Amino acid sequence: MSLDPHVAVLLLSTTAAGLLMSIAGLRKNGLEWRQRRRICPSCGRELRGRACACR
C-alpha cells in the first residue's frame, strides 16, 4: 500500500497550517501556556474563586 502524493501534500499542508496558527496564537497571547493570576480591581487581592469577597 503506497501513499498517494495528493494525500501526502494535503496532510503536510494541513499540519503546517495548524502549527503556524498555534504559534501565531501563542505570540499574540490568544493562547497561553499557563493561567495568569487574576487580581481584584477594587481591593488588589488575588482572586481564587469566581468573585471577590470585598464586593
C-alpha atoms as a PDB file:
ATOM      1  CA  MET A   1       0.000   0.000   0.000  1.00  0.00           C
ATOM      2  CA  SER A   2       1.529   3.296  -1.054  1.00  0.00           C
ATOM      3  CA  LEU A   3       0.626   6.805  -0.045  1.00  0.00           C
ATOM      4  CA  ASP A   4      -0.888   8.908  -2.803  1.00  0.00           C
ATOM      5  CA  PRO A   5       1.137  12.124  -3.384  1.00  0.00           C
ATOM      6  CA  HIS A   6      -2.007  14.261  -3.236  1.00  0.00           C
ATOM      7  CA  VAL A   7      -2.947  12.861   0.159  1.00  0.00           C
ATOM      8  CA  ALA A   8       0.609  13.362   1.436  1.00  0.00           C
ATOM      9  CA  VAL A   9       0.611  17.010   0.344  1.00  0.00           C
ATOM     10  CA  LEU A  10      -2.808  17.537   1.924  1.00  0.00           C
ATOM     11  CA  LEU A  11      -1.676  16.074   5.254  1.00  0.00           C
ATOM     12  CA  LEU A  12       1.571  18.047   5.238  1.00  0.00           C
ATOM     13  CA  SER A  13      -0.090  21.367   4.384  1.00  0.00           C
ATOM     14  CA  THR A  14      -2.843  20.877   6.975  1.00  0.00           C
ATOM     15  CA  THR A  15      -0.290  20.080   9.675  1.00  0.00           C
ATOM     16  CA  ALA A  16       1.858  23.068   8.722  1.00  0.00           C
ATOM     17  CA  ALA A  17      -1.150  25.417   8.767  1.00  0.00           C
ATOM     18  CA  GLY A  18      -2.204  24.171  12.211  1.00  0.00           C
ATOM     19  CA  LEU A  19       1.302  24.583  13.580  1.00  0.00           C
ATOM     20  CA  LEU A  20       1.619  28.116  12.231  1.00  0.00           C
ATOM     21  CA  MET A  21      -1.789  29.069  13.634  1.00  0.00           C
ATOM     22  CA  SER A  22      -0.806  27.735  17.066  1.00  0.00           C
ATOM     23  CA  ILE A  23       2.459  29.668  17.058  1.00  0.00           C
ATOM     24  CA  ALA A  24       0.666  32.848  15.994  1.00  0.00           C
ATOM     25  CA  GLY A  25      -1.891  32.399  18.774  1.00  0.00           C
ATOM     26  CA  LEU A  26       0.839  31.950  21.375  1.00  0.00           C
ATOM     27  CA  ARG A  27       2.672  35.059  20.201  1.00  0.00           C
ATOM     28  CA  LYS A  28      -0.366  37.322  20.413  1.00  0.00           C
ATOM     29  CA  ASN A  29      -1.395  35.831  23.781  1.00  0.00           C
ATOM     30  CA  GLY A  30      -4.598  34.402  22.361  1.00  0.00           C
ATOM     31  CA  LEU A  31      -3.343  31.125  23.737  1.00  0.00           C
ATOM     32  CA  GLU A  32      -1.436  30.922  26.989  1.00  0.00           C
ATOM     33  CA  TRP A  33       0.925  28.301  28.337  1.00  0.00           C
ATOM     34  CA  ARG A  34      -0.454  28.731  31.846  1.00  0.00           C
ATOM     35  CA  GLN A  35      -3.215  30.648  33.560  1.00  0.00           C
ATOM     36  CA  ARG A  36      -2.442  34.158  34.722  1.00  0.00           C
ATOM     37  CA  ARG A  37      -3.090  35.387  38.240  1.00  0.00           C
ATOM     38  CA  ARG A  38      -6.370  37.238  38.492  1.00  0.00           C
ATOM     39  CA  ILE A  39      -6.381  40.317  40.727  1.00  0.00           C
ATOM     40  CA  CYS A  40      -9.435  42.145  42.046  1.00  0.00           C
ATOM     41  CA  PRO A  41      -9.527  45.673  40.585  1.00  0.00           C
ATOM     42  CA  SER A  42     -11.039  47.239  43.717  1.00  0.00           C
ATOM     43  CA  CYS A  43      -9.004  45.712  46.555  1.00  0.00           C
ATOM     44  CA  GLY A  44      -5.947  44.304  44.751  1.00  0.00           C
ATOM     45  CA  ARG A  45      -6.171  40.811  46.228  1.00  0.00           C
ATOM     46  CA  GLU A  46      -5.668  37.666  44.178  1.00  0.00           C
ATOM     47  CA  LEU A  47      -8.932  36.082  43.028  1.00  0.00           C
ATOM     48  CA  ARG A  48      -9.144  32.359  43.671  1.00  0.00           C
ATOM     49  CA  GLY A  49     -12.828  31.771  43.098  1.00  0.00           C
ATOM     50  CA  ARG A  50     -15.289  33.412  40.775  1.00  0.00           C
ATOM     51  CA  ALA A  51     -15.711  36.655  42.710  1.00  0.00           C
ATOM     52  CA  CYS A  52     -14.001  38.687  45.387  1.00  0.00           C
ATOM     53  CA  ALA A  53     -15.424  38.974  48.920  1.00  0.00           C
ATOM     54  CA  CYS A  54     -14.873  42.729  49.023  1.00  0.00           C
ATOM     55  CA  ARG A  55     -17.930  43.468  46.874  1.00  0.00           C
END
